[in-house]
Amino acid sequence: MARPVRGIHDKKITPLSGTSNGARGTFGSADLSTSAPSRVGKFIIFEGGEGSGKTTIVERMKKEFPDFVYTQDPGGTKLGHEIRNLLMSDKTKDIDPRTELLLFLASRAQMITEIIRPALDSGKTVISNRFALSSIAYQIYGRERAELMPLYRAVGDILHEGFTPDATILLDVTPEIGIQRVHSRQEEPTRFDNEALDFHARVREGYKKHLAEFGTPILIDADKPLEEVWTEVKNAVQSVVK
């Protein structure tokens, strides 16, 4: 289990007022109950720390549920992929945390416009590999920048356009196991993979504290073998879309 980490506890972070009622409710600081867009399709997010198996699970989802629309955050669009490549590279290792947060938000805004909103409006189910909760977990908790929460709220309320997920599935992995998995891969680790263990512990803390604010919260123990995790994920997704 992740140990309490000093730093983030010394700064006051007001939790977002959440809802598990799809697109209606509060998402950030503004009340979106009257302005949230109506939609037909379901919006499901996969979240998790490094080495949680999130990307592997989403790839299996594509085979099991081929009619769903899949995207990733950051990424999903031409602009989003450019931002993703920039954010994941060592070129941005000294980036200001405010700039990092705003780049993630910019990619997300473009993804909502190009992919998420049109798909949901047409009745399709959308699966996103990460979404808004990642910004809280990584840029605010991981970076120990509680003072960025007002910036996240102010900009996020506008950019997210009320697109609160119907459900967020958190693949919860202990940092020690997650990082061990990351460094056993063949591909080159990203700058986020290479962060200190305490960073990943804070990310996990942020995820678990704010999970319930982003649609129906579904917590899955990702320390378990992949097949067990996959079975739980598949059952959870089917319960949301039925």
C-alpha atoms as a PDB file:
ATOM      1  CA  MET A   1       0.000   0.000   0.000  1.00  0.00           C
ATOM      2  CA  ALA A   2       1.174   3.538  -0.702  1.00  0.00           C
ATOM      3  CA  ARG A   3       2.342   5.394   2.370  1.00  0.00           C
ATOM      4  CA  PRO A   4       1.096   8.903   3.170  1.00  0.00           C
ATOM      5  CA  VAL A   5       3.389  11.376   1.462  1.00  0.00           C
ATOM      6  CA  ARG A   6       4.377  14.666   3.011  1.00  0.00           C
ATOM      7  CA  GLY A   7       3.894  17.816   1.008  1.00  0.00           C
ATOM      8  CA  ILE A   8       0.470  17.618  -0.578  1.00  0.00           C
ATOM      9  CA  HIS A   9      -1.143  17.298   2.866  1.00  0.00           C
ATOM     10  CA  ASP A  10       0.340  20.628   3.893  1.00  0.00           C
ATOM     11  CA  LYS A  11      -1.608  22.429   1.167  1.00  0.00           C
ATOM     12  CA  LYS A  12      -5.367  22.677   1.172  1.00  0.00           C
ATOM     13  CA  ILE A  13      -7.081  21.053  -1.812  1.00  0.00           C
ATOM     14  CA  THR A  14     -10.830  21.430  -1.925  1.00  0.00           C
ATOM     15  CA  PRO A  15     -12.368  18.327  -3.509  1.00  0.00           C
ATOM     16  CA  LEU A  16     -14.463  18.852  -6.587  1.00  0.00           C
ATOM     17  CA  SER A  17     -18.198  18.511  -6.082  1.00  0.00           C
ATOM     18  CA  GLY A  18     -18.877  15.330  -8.003  1.00  0.00           C
ATOM     19  CA  THR A  19     -21.748  13.281  -9.280  1.00  0.00           C
ATOM     20  CA  SER A  20     -22.260   9.803 -10.626  1.00  0.00           C
ATOM     21  CA  ASN A  21     -25.117  10.909 -12.848  1.00  0.00           C
ATOM     22  CA  GLY A  22     -23.441  11.030 -16.228  1.00  0.00           C
ATOM     23  CA  ALA A  23     -23.257  14.446 -17.856  1.00  0.00           C
ATOM     24  CA  ARG A  24     -25.187  16.246 -15.153  1.00  0.00           C
ATOM     25  CA  GLY A  25     -23.608  17.665 -12.024  1.00  0.00           C
ATOM     26  CA  THR A  26     -20.569  19.709 -11.112  1.00  0.00           C
ATOM     27  CA  PHE A  27     -17.242  19.227 -12.808  1.00  0.00           C
ATOM     28  CA  GLY A  28     -14.704  21.624 -11.336  1.00  0.00           C
ATOM     29  CA  SER A  29     -16.122  24.635  -9.572  1.00  0.00           C
ATOM     30  CA  ALA A  30     -18.968  25.689 -11.867  1.00  0.00           C
ATOM     31  CA  ASP A  31     -22.439  24.175 -11.682  1.00  0.00           C
ATOM     32  CA  LEU A  32     -22.974  22.408 -14.988  1.00  0.00           C
ATOM     33  CA  SER A  33     -26.371  20.916 -14.205  1.00  0.00           C
ATOM     34  CA  THR A  34     -28.136  23.333 -16.533  1.00  0.00           C
ATOM     35  CA  SER A  35     -25.468  23.669 -19.215  1.00  0.00           C
ATOM     36  CA  ALA A  36     -24.207  20.095 -19.578  1.00  0.00           C
ATOM     37  CA  PRO A  37     -24.848  18.727 -23.072  1.00  0.00           C
ATOM     38  CA  SER A  38     -27.522  16.109 -23.631  1.00  0.00           C
ATOM     39  CA  ARG A  39     -26.191  12.906 -25.142  1.00  0.00           C
ATOM     40  CA  VAL A  40     -27.127   9.367 -26.053  1.00  0.00           C
ATOM     41  CA  GLY A  41     -23.873   7.394 -25.859  1.00  0.00           C
ATOM     42  CA  LYS A  42     -21.925   6.328 -22.767  1.00  0.00           C
ATOM     43  CA  PHE A  43     -18.602   7.891 -21.791  1.00  0.00           C
ATOM     44  CA  ILE A  44     -16.204   5.604 -19.882  1.00  0.00           C
ATOM     45  CA  ILE A  45     -12.713   6.528 -18.699  1.00  0.00           C
ATOM     46  CA  PHE A  46      -9.797   4.263 -17.824  1.00  0.00           C
ATOM     47  CA  GLU A  47      -7.365   5.731 -15.308  1.00  0.00           C
ATOM     48  CA  GLY A  48      -4.333   4.367 -13.516  1.00  0.00           C
ATOM     49  CA  GLY A  49      -0.736   4.987 -12.612  1.00  0.00           C
ATOM     50  CA  GLU A  50       2.250   3.887 -14.642  1.00  0.00           C
ATOM     51  CA  GLY A  51       2.378   0.105 -15.032  1.00  0.00           C
ATOM     52  CA  SER A  52      -1.281  -0.406 -14.146  1.00  0.00           C
ATOM     53  CA  GLY A  53      -1.943  -2.304 -17.395  1.00  0.00           C
ATOM     54  CA  LYS A  54      -4.330   0.352 -18.615  1.00  0.00           C
ATOM     55  CA  THR A  55      -3.141   0.442 -22.230  1.00  0.00           C
ATOM     56  CA  THR A  56      -3.075  -3.364 -22.457  1.00  0.00           C
ATOM     57  CA  ILE A  57      -6.642  -3.531 -21.164  1.00  0.00           C
ATOM     58  CA  VAL A  58      -7.847  -0.877 -23.618  1.00  0.00           C
ATOM     59  CA  GLU A  59      -6.283  -2.830 -26.496  1.00  0.00           C
ATOM     60  CA  ARG A  60      -8.269  -5.894 -25.413  1.00  0.00           C
ATOM     61  CA  MET A  61     -11.351  -3.728 -25.173  1.00  0.00           C
ATOM     62  CA  LYS A  62     -10.981  -2.857 -28.852  1.00  0.00           C
ATOM     63  CA  LYS A  63     -11.281  -6.536 -29.757  1.00  0.00           C
ATOM     64  CA  GLU A  64     -14.095  -7.294 -27.318  1.00  0.00           C
ATOM     65  CA  PHE A  65     -16.110  -4.135 -28.073  1.00  0.00           C
ATOM     66  CA  PRO A  66     -15.178  -3.120 -31.650  1.00  0.00           C
ATOM     67  CA  ASP A  67     -18.149  -0.774 -32.050  1.00  0.00           C
ATOM     68  CA  PHE A  68     -16.957   1.576 -29.316  1.00  0.00           C
ATOM     69  CA  VAL A  69     -14.987   4.727 -30.119  1.00  0.00           C
ATOM     70  CA  TYR A  70     -11.512   4.754 -28.546  1.00  0.00           C
ATOM     71  CA  THR A  71      -9.240   7.676 -27.772  1.00  0.00           C
ATOM     72  CA  GLN A  72      -6.409   8.617 -25.416  1.00  0.00           C
ATOM     73  CA  ASP A  73      -5.558  11.675 -23.344  1.00  0.00           C
ATOM     74  CA  PRO A  74      -3.348  13.381 -24.305  1.00  0.00           C
ATOM     75  CA  GLY A  75      -3.709  12.428 -27.936  1.00  0.00           C
ATOM     76  CA  GLY A  76      -6.621  11.238 -30.018  1.00  0.00           C
ATOM     77  CA  THR A  77      -6.356  14.043 -32.570  1.00  0.00           C
ATOM     78  CA  LYS A  78      -3.563  15.299 -34.816  1.00  0.00           C
ATOM     79  CA  LEU A  79      -2.946  18.235 -32.490  1.00  0.00           C
ATOM     80  CA  GLY A  80      -3.291  15.998 -29.453  1.00  0.00           C
ATOM     81  CA  HIS A  81      -0.626  13.596 -30.701  1.00  0.00           C
ATOM     82  CA  GLU A  82       1.764  16.488 -31.255  1.00  0.00           C
ATOM     83  CA  ILE A  83       1.151  17.677 -27.702  1.00  0.00           C
ATOM     84  CA  ARG A  84       1.512  14.122 -26.389  1.00  0.00           C
ATOM     85  CA  ASN A  85       4.872  13.606 -28.077  1.00  0.00           C
ATOM     86  CA  LEU A  86       6.073  16.872 -26.601  1.00  0.00           C
ATOM     87  CA  LEU A  87       4.833  16.151 -23.081  1.00  0.00           C
ATOM     88  CA  MET A  88       6.206  12.602 -22.928  1.00  0.00           C
ATOM     89  CA  SER A  89       9.704  13.459 -24.131  1.00  0.00           C
ATOM     90  CA  ASP A  90      12.699  14.575 -22.120  1.00  0.00           C
ATOM     91  CA  LYS A  91      12.558  17.866 -24.022  1.00  0.00           C
ATOM     92  CA  THR A  92       9.934  19.025 -21.523  1.00  0.00           C
ATOM     93  CA  LYS A  93      11.529  17.631 -18.355  1.00  0.00           C
ATOM     94  CA  ASP A  94      11.997  21.173 -17.016  1.00  0.00           C
ATOM     95  CA  ILE A  95       8.562  22.427 -18.068  1.00  0.00           C
ATOM     96  CA  ASP A  96       6.733  24.764 -15.691  1.00  0.00           C
ATOM     97  CA  PRO A  97       3.892  22.842 -13.964  1.00  0.00           C
ATOM     98  CA  ARG A  98       1.378  25.483 -15.082  1.00  0.00           C
ATOM     99  CA  THR A  99       2.425  25.050 -18.692  1.00  0.00           C
ATOM    100  CA  GLU A 100       2.260  21.271 -18.361  1.00  0.00           C
ATOM    101  CA  LEU A 101      -1.281  21.445 -16.977  1.00  0.00           C
ATOM    102  CA  LEU A 102      -2.453  23.821 -19.706  1.00  0.00           C
ATOM    103  CA  LEU A 103      -1.000  21.652 -22.473  1.00  0.00           C
ATOM    104  CA  PHE A 104      -2.913  18.639 -21.163  1.00  0.00           C
ATOM    105  CA  LEU A 105      -6.076  20.743 -21.028  1.00  0.00           C
ATOM    106  CA  ALA A 106      -5.520  22.001 -24.580  1.00  0.00           C
ATOM    107  CA  SER A 107      -5.177  18.473 -25.940  1.00  0.00           C
ATOM    108  CA  ARG A 108      -8.304  17.424 -24.047  1.00  0.00           C
ATOM    109  CA  ALA A 109     -10.348  20.330 -25.392  1.00  0.00           C
ATOM    110  CA  GLN A 110      -9.463  19.403 -28.973  1.00  0.00           C
ATOM    111  CA  MET A 111     -10.306  15.756 -28.311  1.00  0.00           C
ATOM    112  CA  ILE A 112     -13.725  16.694 -26.934  1.00  0.00           C
ATOM    113  CA  THR A 113     -14.466  18.795 -30.019  1.00  0.00           C
ATOM    114  CA  GLU A 114     -13.198  16.350 -32.635  1.00  0.00           C
ATOM    115  CA  ILE A 115     -13.944  12.941 -31.125  1.00  0.00           C
ATOM    116  CA  ILE A 116     -15.902  12.737 -27.891  1.00  0.00           C
ATOM    117  CA  ARG A 117     -18.800  15.107 -28.510  1.00  0.00           C
ATOM    118  CA  PRO A 118     -19.612  13.878 -32.072  1.00  0.00           C
ATOM    119  CA  ALA A 119     -19.411  10.230 -31.003  1.00  0.00           C
ATOM    120  CA  LEU A 120     -21.638  10.648 -27.945  1.00  0.00           C
ATOM    121  CA  ASP A 121     -24.140  12.733 -29.907  1.00  0.00           C
ATOM    122  CA  SER A 122     -24.414   9.919 -32.458  1.00  0.00           C
ATOM    123  CA  GLY A 123     -25.149   7.389 -29.715  1.00  0.00           C
ATOM    124  CA  LYS A 124     -21.762   5.678 -29.593  1.00  0.00           C
ATOM    125  CA  THR A 125     -19.967   4.601 -26.442  1.00  0.00           C
ATOM    126  CA  VAL A 126     -16.621   6.356 -25.995  1.00  0.00           C
ATOM    127  CA  ILE A 127     -13.662   4.841 -24.155  1.00  0.00           C
ATOM    128  CA  SER A 128     -10.850   7.212 -23.211  1.00  0.00           C
ATOM    129  CA  ASN A 129      -7.459   6.108 -21.940  1.00  0.00           C
ATOM    130  CA  ARG A 130      -7.177   8.859 -19.299  1.00  0.00           C
ATOM    131  CA  PHE A 131      -9.182  12.059 -18.966  1.00  0.00           C
ATOM    132  CA  ALA A 132      -9.586  14.921 -16.485  1.00  0.00           C
ATOM    133  CA  LEU A 133      -8.853  12.951 -13.306  1.00  0.00           C
ATOM    134  CA  SER A 134      -5.298  12.433 -14.569  1.00  0.00           C
ATOM    135  CA  SER A 135      -4.672  16.180 -14.403  1.00  0.00           C
ATOM    136  CA  ILE A 136      -5.541  16.218 -10.714  1.00  0.00           C
ATOM    137  CA  ALA A 137      -3.506  13.092  -9.975  1.00  0.00           C
ATOM    138  CA  TYR A 138      -0.390  14.036 -11.929  1.00  0.00           C
ATOM    139  CA  GLN A 139      -0.177  17.808 -12.256  1.00  0.00           C
ATOM    140  CA  ILE A 140      -1.628  18.703  -8.844  1.00  0.00           C
ATOM    141  CA  TYR A 141      -0.892  15.762  -6.532  1.00  0.00           C
ATOM    142  CA  GLY A 142       2.155  14.329  -8.276  1.00  0.00           C
ATOM    143  CA  ARG A 143       3.767  17.736  -8.724  1.00  0.00           C
ATOM    144  CA  GLU A 144       2.639  18.864  -5.240  1.00  0.00           C
ATOM    145  CA  ARG A 145       1.056  21.969  -6.711  1.00  0.00           C
ATOM    146  CA  ALA A 146      -2.197  22.366  -4.787  1.00  0.00           C
ATOM    147  CA  GLU A 147      -2.280  26.034  -5.793  1.00  0.00           C
ATOM    148  CA  LEU A 148      -2.990  24.945  -9.386  1.00  0.00           C
ATOM    149  CA  MET A 149      -6.433  23.581  -8.489  1.00  0.00           C
ATOM    150  CA  PRO A 150      -8.156  26.974  -9.089  1.00  0.00           C
ATOM    151  CA  LEU A 151      -6.482  27.178 -12.511  1.00  0.00           C
ATOM    152  CA  TYR A 152      -7.606  23.645 -13.320  1.00  0.00           C
ATOM    153  CA  ARG A 153     -11.148  24.430 -12.235  1.00  0.00           C
ATOM    154  CA  ALA A 154     -11.439  27.735 -14.073  1.00  0.00           C
ATOM    155  CA  VAL A 155     -10.050  26.487 -17.383  1.00  0.00           C
ATOM    156  CA  GLY A 156     -11.419  22.963 -17.086  1.00  0.00           C
ATOM    157  CA  ASP A 157     -15.000  24.115 -16.573  1.00  0.00           C
ATOM    158  CA  ILE A 158     -14.865  25.876 -19.930  1.00  0.00           C
ATOM    159  CA  LEU A 159     -12.891  23.315 -21.917  1.00  0.00           C
ATOM    160  CA  HIS A 160     -14.608  20.159 -20.668  1.00  0.00           C
ATOM    161  CA  GLU A 161     -18.027  21.492 -21.748  1.00  0.00           C
ATOM    162  CA  GLY A 162     -19.817  19.446 -19.082  1.00  0.00           C
ATOM    163  CA  PHE A 163     -18.556  16.114 -20.396  1.00  0.00           C
ATOM    164  CA  THR A 164     -18.439  14.294 -17.081  1.00  0.00           C
ATOM    165  CA  PRO A 165     -17.861  10.549 -17.575  1.00  0.00           C
ATOM    166  CA  ASP A 166     -20.645   8.063 -16.943  1.00  0.00           C
ATOM    167  CA  ALA A 167     -18.029   5.923 -15.180  1.00  0.00           C
ATOM    168  CA  THR A 168     -14.332   6.048 -14.399  1.00  0.00           C
ATOM    169  CA  ILE A 169     -12.501   2.743 -13.994  1.00  0.00           C
ATOM    170  CA  LEU A 170      -9.369   3.135 -11.891  1.00  0.00           C
ATOM    171  CA  LEU A 171      -6.818   0.355 -12.301  1.00  0.00           C
ATOM    172  CA  ASP A 172      -5.190   0.783  -8.917  1.00  0.00           C
ATOM    173  CA  VAL A 173      -1.586  -0.417  -8.814  1.00  0.00           C
ATOM    174  CA  THR A 174       0.920   0.003  -6.009  1.00  0.00           C
ATOM    175  CA  PRO A 175       3.789   2.204  -7.226  1.00  0.00           C
ATOM    176  CA  GLU A 176       6.441  -0.424  -6.524  1.00  0.00           C
ATOM    177  CA  ILE A 177       4.720  -3.013  -8.714  1.00  0.00           C
ATOM    178  CA  GLY A 178       3.792  -0.495 -11.394  1.00  0.00           C
ATOM    179  CA  ILE A 179       7.309   0.854 -11.849  1.00  0.00           C
ATOM    180  CA  GLN A 180       8.750  -2.659 -11.839  1.00  0.00           C
ATOM    181  CA  ARG A 181       6.429  -3.487 -14.745  1.00  0.00           C
ATOM    182  CA  VAL A 182       7.354  -0.290 -16.585  1.00  0.00           C
ATOM    183  CA  HIS A 183      11.060  -1.058 -16.501  1.00  0.00           C
ATOM    184  CA  SER A 184      10.503  -4.634 -17.673  1.00  0.00           C
ATOM    185  CA  ARG A 185       9.009  -3.386 -20.954  1.00  0.00           C
ATOM    186  CA  GLN A 186      10.970  -3.229 -24.178  1.00  0.00           C
ATOM    187  CA  GLU A 187       9.879   0.302 -25.057  1.00  0.00           C
ATOM    188  CA  GLU A 188      11.714   3.361 -23.787  1.00  0.00           C
ATOM    189  CA  PRO A 189      10.190   4.786 -20.573  1.00  0.00           C
ATOM    190  CA  THR A 190       8.644   8.261 -20.685  1.00  0.00           C
ATOM    191  CA  ARG A 191       9.669  11.087 -18.378  1.00  0.00           C
ATOM    192  CA  PHE A 192       6.629  10.278 -16.228  1.00  0.00           C
ATOM    193  CA  ASP A 193       7.779   6.656 -15.919  1.00  0.00           C
ATOM    194  CA  ASN A 194      11.127   7.922 -14.666  1.00  0.00           C
ATOM    195  CA  GLU A 195       9.698  10.033 -11.847  1.00  0.00           C
ATOM    196  CA  ALA A 196      10.643   9.093  -8.275  1.00  0.00           C
ATOM    197  CA  LEU A 197       8.578   6.538  -6.382  1.00  0.00           C
ATOM    198  CA  ASP A 198       7.176   9.250  -4.093  1.00  0.00           C
ATOM    199  CA  PHE A 199       5.757  11.012  -7.161  1.00  0.00           C
ATOM    200  CA  HIS A 200       3.845   7.871  -8.157  1.00  0.00           C
ATOM    201  CA  ALA A 201       2.616   7.423  -4.576  1.00  0.00           C
ATOM    202  CA  ARG A 202       1.180  10.947  -4.659  1.00  0.00           C
ATOM    203  CA  VAL A 203      -0.427  10.286  -8.044  1.00  0.00           C
ATOM    204  CA  ARG A 204      -2.115   7.218  -6.613  1.00  0.00           C
ATOM    205  CA  GLU A 205      -3.334   9.244  -3.639  1.00  0.00           C
ATOM    206  CA  GLY A 206      -4.851  11.862  -5.940  1.00  0.00           C
ATOM    207  CA  TYR A 207      -6.577   9.230  -8.021  1.00  0.00           C
ATOM    208  CA  LYS A 208      -8.197   7.523  -5.064  1.00  0.00           C
ATOM    209  CA  LYS A 209      -9.238  10.750  -3.328  1.00  0.00           C
ATOM    210  CA  HIS A 210     -10.998  12.209  -6.379  1.00  0.00           C
ATOM    211  CA  LEU A 211     -12.220   9.093  -8.217  1.00  0.00           C
ATOM    212  CA  ALA A 212     -15.824   9.467  -7.044  1.00  0.00           C
ATOM    213  CA  GLU A 213     -16.089  12.919  -8.618  1.00  0.00           C
ATOM    214  CA  PHE A 214     -15.900  11.643 -12.208  1.00  0.00           C
ATOM    215  CA  GLY A 215     -18.977   9.530 -12.822  1.00  0.00           C
ATOM    216  CA  THR A 216     -19.635   6.154 -11.233  1.00  0.00           C
ATOM    217  CA  PRO A 217     -16.377   5.151  -9.498  1.00  0.00           C
ATOM    218  CA  ILE A 218     -15.064   1.653 -10.248  1.00  0.00           C
ATOM    219  CA  LEU A 219     -11.885   0.649  -8.408  1.00  0.00           C
ATOM    220  CA  ILE A 220     -10.064  -2.482  -9.594  1.00  0.00           C
ATOM    221  CA  ASP A 221      -6.993  -3.986  -7.950  1.00  0.00           C
ATOM    222  CA  ALA A 222      -4.456  -3.931 -10.783  1.00  0.00           C
ATOM    223  CA  ASP A 223      -1.770  -5.682  -8.731  1.00  0.00           C
ATOM    224  CA  LYS A 224      -3.595  -8.903  -9.600  1.00  0.00           C
ATOM    225  CA  PRO A 225      -2.832 -11.032 -12.685  1.00  0.00           C
ATOM    226  CA  LEU A 226      -3.931  -9.527 -15.993  1.00  0.00           C
ATOM    227  CA  GLU A 227      -6.638 -12.113 -16.690  1.00  0.00           C
ATOM    228  CA  GLU A 228      -8.330 -11.419 -13.364  1.00  0.00           C
ATOM    229  CA  VAL A 229      -8.192  -7.683 -13.992  1.00  0.00           C
ATOM    230  CA  TRP A 230      -9.581  -8.156 -17.507  1.00  0.00           C
ATOM    231  CA  THR A 231     -12.556 -10.174 -16.240  1.00  0.00           C
ATOM    232  CA  GLU A 232     -13.445  -7.457 -13.722  1.00  0.00           C
ATOM    233  CA  VAL A 233     -13.037  -4.720 -16.329  1.00  0.00           C
ATOM    234  CA  LYS A 234     -15.232  -6.480 -18.873  1.00  0.00           C
ATOM    235  CA  ASN A 235     -17.987  -7.038 -16.315  1.00  0.00           C
ATOM    236  CA  ALA A 236     -17.787  -3.410 -15.190  1.00  0.00           C
ATOM    237  CA  VAL A 237     -18.031  -2.055 -18.734  1.00  0.00           C
ATOM    238  CA  GLN A 238     -20.976  -4.293 -19.545  1.00  0.00           C
ATOM    239  CA  SER A 239     -22.791  -3.062 -16.433  1.00  0.00           C
ATOM    240  CA  VAL A 240     -22.342   0.570 -17.531  1.00  0.00           C
ATOM    241  CA  VAL A 241     -23.433   0.177 -21.152  1.00  0.00           C
ATOM    242  CA  LYS A 242     -26.341  -2.239 -20.648  1.00  0.00           C
END
